C-alpha atoms as a PDB file:
ATOM      1  CA  MET A   1       0.000   0.000   0.000  1.00  0.00           C
ATOM      2  CA  GLN A   2       1.197   3.462  -0.779  1.00  0.00           C
ATOM      3  CA  ASN A   3       1.750   6.120   1.799  1.00  0.00           C
ATOM      4  CA  ILE A   4      -0.623   9.064   1.621  1.00  0.00           C
ATOM      5  CA  LYS A   5       0.681  12.280   3.076  1.00  0.00           C
ATOM      6  CA  ALA A   6      -1.627  14.605   4.975  1.00  0.00           C
ATOM      7  CA  ASN A   7      -0.723  17.575   2.793  1.00  0.00           C
ATOM      8  CA  SER A   8      -1.138  15.746  -0.536  1.00  0.00           C
ATOM      9  CA  LEU A   9      -3.483  16.888  -3.297  1.00  0.00           C
ATOM     10  CA  LEU A  10      -5.682  13.784  -2.833  1.00  0.00           C
ATOM     11  CA  VAL A  11      -6.350  14.587   0.820  1.00  0.00           C
ATOM     12  CA  LYS A  12      -6.996  18.267   0.105  1.00  0.00           C
ATOM     13  CA  CYS A  13      -9.474  17.454  -2.694  1.00  0.00           C
ATOM     14  CA  THR A  14     -11.260  14.866  -0.551  1.00  0.00           C
ATOM     15  CA  VAL A  15     -11.665  17.290   2.344  1.00  0.00           C
ATOM     16  CA  ALA A  16     -12.839  20.068   0.023  1.00  0.00           C
ATOM     17  CA  ALA A  17     -15.370  17.761  -1.658  1.00  0.00           C
ATOM     18  CA  ALA A  18     -16.685  16.591   1.723  1.00  0.00           C
ATOM     19  CA  ILE A  19     -17.048  20.173   2.942  1.00  0.00           C
ATOM     20  CA  TYR A  20     -18.847  21.174  -0.272  1.00  0.00           C
ATOM     21  CA  TYR A  21     -21.155  18.172  -0.859  1.00  0.00           C
ATOM     22  CA  LEU A  22     -22.051  16.817   2.594  1.00  0.00           C
ATOM     23  CA  PRO A  23     -24.212  19.776   3.732  1.00  0.00           C
ATOM     24  CA  GLN A  24     -26.116  19.622   0.442  1.00  0.00           C
ATOM     25  CA  ASP A  25     -26.661  15.881   0.778  1.00  0.00           C
ATOM     26  CA  ILE A  26     -27.809  16.207   4.378  1.00  0.00           C
ATOM     27  CA  GLY A  27     -30.256  18.952   3.395  1.00  0.00           C
ATOM     28  CA  VAL A  28     -31.729  16.971   0.504  1.00  0.00           C
ATOM     29  CA  LEU A  29     -32.009  13.759   2.525  1.00  0.00           C
ATOM     30  CA  SER A  30     -33.713  15.560   5.415  1.00  0.00           C
ATOM     31  CA  LEU A  31     -36.237  17.155   3.030  1.00  0.00           C
ATOM     32  CA  LEU A  32     -36.942  13.778   1.428  1.00  0.00           C
ATOM     33  CA  SER A  33     -37.463  12.110   4.802  1.00  0.00           C
ATOM     34  CA  LEU A  34     -39.785  14.889   6.005  1.00  0.00           C
ATOM     35  CA  ASN A  35     -41.776  14.635   2.765  1.00  0.00           C
ATOM     36  CA  LYS A  36     -42.058  10.859   3.135  1.00  0.00           C
ATOM     37  CA  ARG A  37     -43.165  11.179   6.743  1.00  0.00           C
ATOM     38  CA  SER A  38     -45.853  13.773   6.008  1.00  0.00           C
ATOM     39  CA  HIS A  39     -47.131  11.755   3.047  1.00  0.00           C
ATOM     40  CA  SER A  40     -47.349   8.544   5.079  1.00  0.00           C
ATOM     41  CA  LYS A  41     -49.250  10.341   7.851  1.00  0.00           C
ATOM     42  CA  GLN A  42     -51.749  11.608   5.262  1.00  0.00           C
ATOM     43  CA  VAL A  43     -52.277   8.093   3.931  1.00  0.00           C
ATOM     44  CA  THR A  44     -52.754   6.275   7.241  1.00  0.00           C
ATOM     45  CA  GLY A  45     -54.035   9.089   9.430  1.00  0.00           C
ATOM     46  CA  PRO A  46     -53.346   9.504  13.113  1.00  0.00           C
ATOM     47  CA  ILE A  47     -53.352   6.367  15.247  1.00  0.00           C
ATOM     48  CA  SER A  48     -55.298   6.443  18.491  1.00  0.00           C
ATOM     49  CA  GLY A  49     -54.614   4.187  21.427  1.00  0.00           C
ATOM     50  CA  GLY A  50     -58.220   3.223  22.074  1.00  0.00           C
ATOM     51  CA  PRO A  51     -60.063   3.529  25.375  1.00  0.00           C
ATOM     52  CA  ALA A  52     -58.199   3.714  28.662  1.00  0.00           C
ATOM     53  CA  GLU A  53     -57.598   0.473  30.549  1.00  0.00           C
ATOM     54  CA  SER A  54     -59.907   1.561  33.369  1.00  0.00           C
ATOM     55  CA  LYS A  55     -62.809   2.161  30.964  1.00  0.00           C
ATOM     56  CA  LEU A  56     -62.281  -1.021  28.946  1.00  0.00           C
ATOM     57  CA  ASP A  57     -64.114  -3.385  31.330  1.00  0.00           C
ATOM     58  CA  ASP A  58     -67.138  -1.091  31.490  1.00  0.00           C
ATOM     59  CA  LEU A  59     -67.108  -0.702  27.705  1.00  0.00           C
ATOM     60  CA  ILE A  60     -67.062  -4.474  27.145  1.00  0.00           C
ATOM     61  CA  LEU A  61     -69.786  -5.013  29.766  1.00  0.00           C
ATOM     62  CA  ARG A  62     -72.099  -2.422  28.174  1.00  0.00           C
ATOM     63  CA  TYR A  63     -71.440  -3.767  24.665  1.00  0.00           C
ATOM     64  CA  MET A  64     -72.214  -7.350  25.650  1.00  0.00           C
ATOM     65  CA  MET A  65     -75.299  -6.364  27.695  1.00  0.00           C
ATOM     66  CA  ASP A  66     -76.670  -4.456  24.678  1.00  0.00           C
ATOM     67  CA  ARG A  67     -76.421  -7.664  22.668  1.00  0.00           C
ATOM     68  CA  GLY A  68     -78.093  -9.817  25.313  1.00  0.00           C
ATOM     69  CA  PHE A  69     -75.072 -11.531  26.899  1.00  0.00           C
ATOM     70  CA  ASP A  70     -74.783 -11.746  30.669  1.00  0.00           C
ATOM     71  CA  PRO A  71     -71.300 -11.581  32.253  1.00  0.00           C
ATOM     72  CA  SER A  72     -71.253 -15.343  32.885  1.00  0.00           C
ATOM     73  CA  GLY A  73     -71.618 -16.002  29.143  1.00  0.00           C
ATOM     74  CA  TYR A  74     -68.208 -14.722  28.075  1.00  0.00           C
ATOM     75  CA  VAL A  75     -64.587 -14.546  29.200  1.00  0.00           C
ATOM     76  CA  VAL A  76     -62.368 -11.482  28.743  1.00  0.00           C
ATOM     77  CA  THR A  77     -58.653 -12.181  28.264  1.00  0.00           C
ATOM     78  CA  LYS A  78     -56.320  -9.194  28.335  1.00  0.00           C
ATOM     79  CA  GLY A  79     -52.991  -9.516  26.584  1.00  0.00           C
ATOM     80  CA  ARG A  80     -50.157  -7.089  26.304  1.00  0.00           C
ATOM     81  CA  ARG A  81     -51.409  -5.524  23.068  1.00  0.00           C
ATOM     82  CA  ASN A  82     -54.943  -6.802  22.653  1.00  0.00           C
ATOM     83  CA  THR A  83     -58.079  -7.873  24.496  1.00  0.00           C
ATOM     84  CA  VAL A  84     -59.992 -11.005  23.475  1.00  0.00           C
ATOM     85  CA  VAL A  85     -63.625 -11.756  24.363  1.00  0.00           C
ATOM     86  CA  GLN A  86     -64.513 -15.456  24.124  1.00  0.00           C
ATOM     87  CA  LEU A  87     -68.082 -16.695  24.313  1.00  0.00           C
ATOM     88  CA  ARG A  88     -68.802 -19.774  26.423  1.00  0.00           C
END
């Protein structure tokens, strides 16, 4: 491998090119990412978390009572990310 001196023309051109092109590239890439993010939010819309955990039991109870199920007719299983209602 050849030795490259710190004051050589190759090093000076590389540093000058990095100083000239990197800010432009960072600016363009940030604009592209912001455009992609805003477009994807328009497509999917905002995501809501659903009802609070404290209101979930009451919500399930009212929903099932409206449809004629008593609390002994179903089982509610709460997972980490979802809630499952199984009929008996």
